[in-house]
C-alpha cells in the first residue's frame, strides 16, 4: 500500500518538473511548487529544504531510468544484430518516454544556465557504464571474439547518437511529437547496420 508521504513527495517532484520546465530553476519558487503540488510550504520544506535539493532528486530520477539499460549482458550464443536491435528498442523506449523527455529538458536547460549544476550532472553520470551500459556490452563482445572495436566508448557514443538524432533531439529541441513506429524502425535499422558493418567479426 502506498503511503501518504510517498504520494506527497511524488506530487512535489511532478510539480517541480513542470515548474522548472516553465520557469527555470532561478525563476521558480518553492511557493509555486507547493501550490502546484497542493501541499503546504511546511510539508515541502520538510522533504526538500531547497530548490537545489529538489533538482538533485529530479536528476536522480532521470538517472534511475537510464540505469535500466545498464544491465544487459552480451550473449555469445545470440546474433549480434538481434542483440543490438533489443538494445536499440529499449533505448528508444526510454528516449520517447514523456517523463524522461520532461526530465531531460529540465536538466539540460539548468546545466546550460549553471556550471555547478552541470558539475552535479557529470558527477552523477560518472558511475554509469559509458552510454547506458553499451560500452560494457561492447567490451564483452570483444572478449567473446564477436566484435573488433578499438575504442568501445566511442563506438557506443556513435550508436546512441545515431538513434538520438532521429528520435530524441527533434522532440527535445524542436518540441516535435514522438516518432511513429516506422520512423523508429528506420532509426534502429540505420544504427544497427552501421555498427555491424564497422565492428562485427564476420564468421
Protein backbone atom coordinates (compact mmCIF):
# COMPACT_ATOMS: atom_id res chain seq x y z
CA UNK A 1 0.00 0.00 0.00
CA UNK A 2 1.39 3.41 -0.97
CA UNK A 3 1.94 5.73 1.98
CA UNK A 4 0.54 9.27 2.01
CA UNK A 5 4.07 10.64 2.48
CA UNK A 6 5.21 8.89 -0.70
CA UNK A 7 2.25 10.32 -2.63
CA UNK A 8 3.06 13.82 -1.39
CA UNK A 9 6.71 13.50 -2.39
CA UNK A 10 5.73 12.23 -5.84
CA UNK A 11 3.30 15.13 -6.27
CA UNK A 12 6.04 17.57 -5.28
CA UNK A 13 8.52 16.09 -7.76
CA UNK A 14 5.99 16.14 -10.61
CA UNK A 15 5.04 19.72 -9.77
CA UNK A 16 8.69 20.77 -9.63
CA UNK A 17 9.42 19.23 -13.04
CA UNK A 18 6.54 21.23 -14.53
CA UNK A 19 7.50 24.49 -12.78
CA UNK A 20 11.20 24.11 -13.60
CA UNK A 21 10.33 23.38 -17.25
CA UNK A 22 8.21 26.52 -17.43
CA UNK A 23 10.22 28.97 -15.31
CA UNK A 24 13.72 27.55 -14.99
CA UNK A 25 15.38 26.89 -11.65
CA UNK A 26 16.28 30.53 -10.92
CA UNK A 27 12.78 31.89 -11.54
CA UNK A 28 10.87 29.01 -9.97
CA UNK A 29 9.68 29.49 -6.41
CA UNK A 30 9.09 26.99 -3.67
CA UNK A 31 5.71 28.65 -3.11
CA UNK A 32 4.66 27.95 -6.71
CA UNK A 33 5.80 24.34 -6.38
CA UNK A 34 3.86 23.86 -3.13
CA UNK A 35 0.70 25.29 -4.72
CA UNK A 36 1.09 23.11 -7.80
CA UNK A 37 1.65 20.02 -5.65
CA UNK A 38 -1.22 21.02 -3.35
CA UNK A 39 0.89 20.74 -0.22
CA UNK A 40 1.84 23.31 2.40
CA UNK A 41 5.21 25.02 2.23
CA UNK A 42 5.99 23.42 5.58
CA UNK A 43 5.45 19.98 4.05
CA UNK A 44 7.52 20.91 1.01
CA UNK A 45 10.47 22.10 3.10
CA UNK A 46 10.20 19.00 5.27
CA UNK A 47 11.08 16.80 2.29
CA UNK A 48 13.14 19.26 0.23
CA UNK A 49 14.92 22.08 2.14
CA UNK A 50 15.99 23.90 -1.05
CA UNK A 51 15.24 24.09 -4.77
CA UNK A 52 18.68 22.61 -5.37
CA UNK A 53 17.89 19.55 -3.26
CA UNK A 54 14.68 19.08 -5.21
CA UNK A 55 16.51 19.45 -8.51
CA UNK A 56 19.04 16.84 -7.36
CA UNK A 57 16.19 14.38 -6.79
CA UNK A 58 14.93 15.08 -10.31
CA UNK A 59 18.39 14.29 -11.66
CA UNK A 60 18.40 11.04 -9.68
CA UNK A 61 15.01 10.18 -11.17
CA UNK A 62 16.36 10.61 -14.68
CA UNK A 63 19.43 8.52 -13.94
CA UNK A 64 17.34 5.72 -12.45
CA UNK A 65 15.60 5.47 -15.83
CA UNK A 66 18.95 5.41 -17.61
CA UNK A 67 20.34 2.67 -15.38
CA UNK A 68 17.66 0.22 -16.51
CA UNK A 69 19.68 -0.16 -19.71
CA UNK A 70 22.97 -0.84 -17.94
CA UNK A 71 22.39 -4.49 -17.04
CA UNK A 72 22.01 -6.09 -20.48
CA UNK A 73 24.94 -8.53 -20.96
CA UNK A 74 26.43 -9.64 -24.26
CA UNK A 75 25.22 -13.14 -25.18
CA UNK A 76 27.77 -15.08 -27.30
CA UNK A 77 25.02 -17.52 -28.29
CA UNK A 78 22.86 -14.88 -29.94
CA UNK A 79 23.40 -12.99 -33.23
CA UNK A 80 24.95 -9.57 -32.74
CA UNK A 81 22.23 -7.96 -34.85
CA UNK A 82 19.43 -9.37 -32.71
CA UNK A 83 21.09 -8.11 -29.53
CA UNK A 84 21.67 -4.66 -30.99
CA UNK A 85 18.04 -4.48 -32.06
CA UNK A 86 16.98 -5.26 -28.49
CA UNK A 87 19.33 -2.62 -27.07
CA UNK A 88 18.12 -0.04 -29.57
CA UNK A 89 14.45 -0.78 -28.86
CA UNK A 90 14.97 -0.33 -25.13
CA UNK A 91 16.93 2.88 -25.71
CA UNK A 92 14.20 4.32 -27.93
CA UNK A 93 11.53 3.33 -25.42
CA UNK A 94 13.40 5.43 -22.85
CA UNK A 95 14.09 8.36 -25.19
CA UNK A 96 10.44 8.56 -26.24
CA UNK A 97 9.09 8.40 -22.69
CA UNK A 98 7.26 11.68 -21.88
CA UNK A 99 8.55 11.56 -18.31
CA UNK A 100 12.16 11.08 -19.37
CA UNK A 101 11.82 13.79 -22.01
CA UNK A 102 10.47 16.28 -19.46
CA UNK A 103 13.26 15.41 -17.04
CA UNK A 104 15.90 15.71 -19.75
CA UNK A 105 14.57 19.12 -20.83
CA UNK A 106 14.72 20.44 -17.25
CA UNK A 107 18.15 19.03 -16.54
CA UNK A 108 19.68 20.22 -19.81
CA UNK A 109 18.33 23.75 -19.53
CA UNK A 110 19.59 24.11 -15.98
CA UNK A 111 23.01 22.68 -16.82
CA UNK A 112 23.36 25.31 -19.55
CA UNK A 113 22.49 28.06 -17.06
CA UNK A 114 24.60 26.85 -14.16
CA UNK A 115 28.11 25.41 -14.07
CA UNK A 116 27.64 23.94 -10.54
CA UNK A 117 24.57 22.06 -11.73
CA UNK A 118 26.44 20.86 -14.81
CA UNK A 119 29.17 19.58 -12.50
CA UNK A 120 26.49 17.83 -10.44
CA UNK A 121 25.27 16.06 -13.56
CA UNK A 122 28.77 14.96 -14.54
CA UNK A 123 29.37 13.66 -11.02
CA UNK A 124 26.17 11.63 -11.03
CA UNK A 125 26.68 10.26 -14.55
CA UNK A 126 30.28 9.14 -13.82
CA UNK A 127 29.34 5.79 -12.20
CA UNK A 128 27.31 4.75 -15.26
CA UNK A 129 28.88 2.30 -17.69
CA UNK A 130 29.51 4.56 -20.67
CA UNK A 131 26.49 5.06 -22.92
CA UNK A 132 23.85 3.34 -20.80
CA UNK A 133 25.85 0.15 -20.44
CA UNK A 134 26.53 -0.20 -24.16
CA UNK A 135 30.27 0.26 -23.68
CA UNK A 136 30.32 -2.67 -21.27
CA UNK A 137 28.26 -4.74 -23.71
CA UNK A 138 30.76 -3.97 -26.49
CA UNK A 139 33.71 -4.93 -24.28
CA UNK A 140 32.04 -8.26 -23.53
CA UNK A 141 31.53 -8.78 -27.26
CA UNK A 142 35.22 -8.17 -27.87
CA UNK A 143 36.15 -10.72 -25.20
CA UNK A 144 33.80 -13.23 -26.83
CA UNK A 145 35.57 -12.75 -30.16
CA UNK A 146 32.46 -11.40 -31.88
CA UNK A 147 33.40 -7.71 -32.16
CA UNK A 148 36.50 -5.86 -33.31
CA UNK A 149 36.34 -2.41 -31.71
CA UNK A 150 39.43 -0.34 -30.97
CA UNK A 151 37.56 2.29 -28.94
CA UNK A 152 34.42 0.86 -27.26
CA UNK A 153 33.39 4.14 -25.62
CA UNK A 154 33.46 5.97 -28.95
CA UNK A 155 31.59 3.15 -30.68
CA UNK A 156 28.84 3.28 -28.06
CA UNK A 157 28.60 7.08 -28.44
CA UNK A 158 28.22 6.65 -32.19
CA UNK A 159 25.45 4.08 -31.83
CA UNK A 160 23.43 6.09 -29.30
CA UNK A 161 23.99 9.34 -31.20
CA UNK A 162 22.57 7.75 -34.35
CA UNK A 163 19.36 6.89 -32.51
CA UNK A 164 19.10 10.22 -30.72
CA UNK A 165 19.46 12.22 -33.92
CA UNK A 166 16.19 10.73 -35.17
CA UNK A 167 14.05 10.01 -32.11
CA UNK A 168 15.26 12.29 -29.30
CA UNK A 169 16.73 15.64 -30.34
CA UNK A 170 13.75 16.64 -32.55
CA UNK A 171 11.47 16.08 -29.55
CA UNK A 172 13.73 17.83 -27.07
CA UNK A 173 14.81 20.85 -29.11
CA UNK A 174 12.02 21.34 -31.65
CA UNK A 175 9.14 20.05 -29.47
CA UNK A 176 8.08 17.65 -32.21
CA UNK A 177 5.84 14.68 -31.36
CA UNK A 178 7.36 11.30 -30.62
CA UNK A 179 8.35 9.43 -33.80
CA UNK A 180 5.95 6.81 -35.13
CA UNK A 181 6.79 3.11 -35.30
CA UNK A 182 8.04 3.31 -38.88
CA UNK A 183 10.44 6.14 -38.04
CA UNK A 184 11.69 4.24 -35.01
CA UNK A 185 12.24 1.16 -37.16
CA UNK A 186 14.25 3.15 -39.70
CA UNK A 187 16.37 4.67 -36.92
CA UNK A 188 17.12 1.25 -35.45
CA UNK A 189 17.95 -0.32 -38.80
CA UNK A 190 20.34 2.51 -39.63
CA UNK A 191 22.17 2.44 -36.29
CA UNK A 192 22.43 -1.37 -36.24
CA UNK A 193 23.60 -1.73 -39.84
CA UNK A 194 26.30 0.93 -39.36
CA UNK A 195 27.55 -0.74 -36.19
CA UNK A 196 27.63 -4.23 -37.71
CA UNK A 197 29.38 -3.05 -40.86
CA UNK A 198 32.07 -1.34 -38.82
CA UNK A 199 32.64 -3.70 -35.89
CA UNK A 200 31.20 -7.23 -36.23
CA UNK A 201 33.71 -10.01 -36.94
CA UNK A 202 32.36 -11.99 -39.88
CA UNK A 203 32.22 -15.75 -39.43
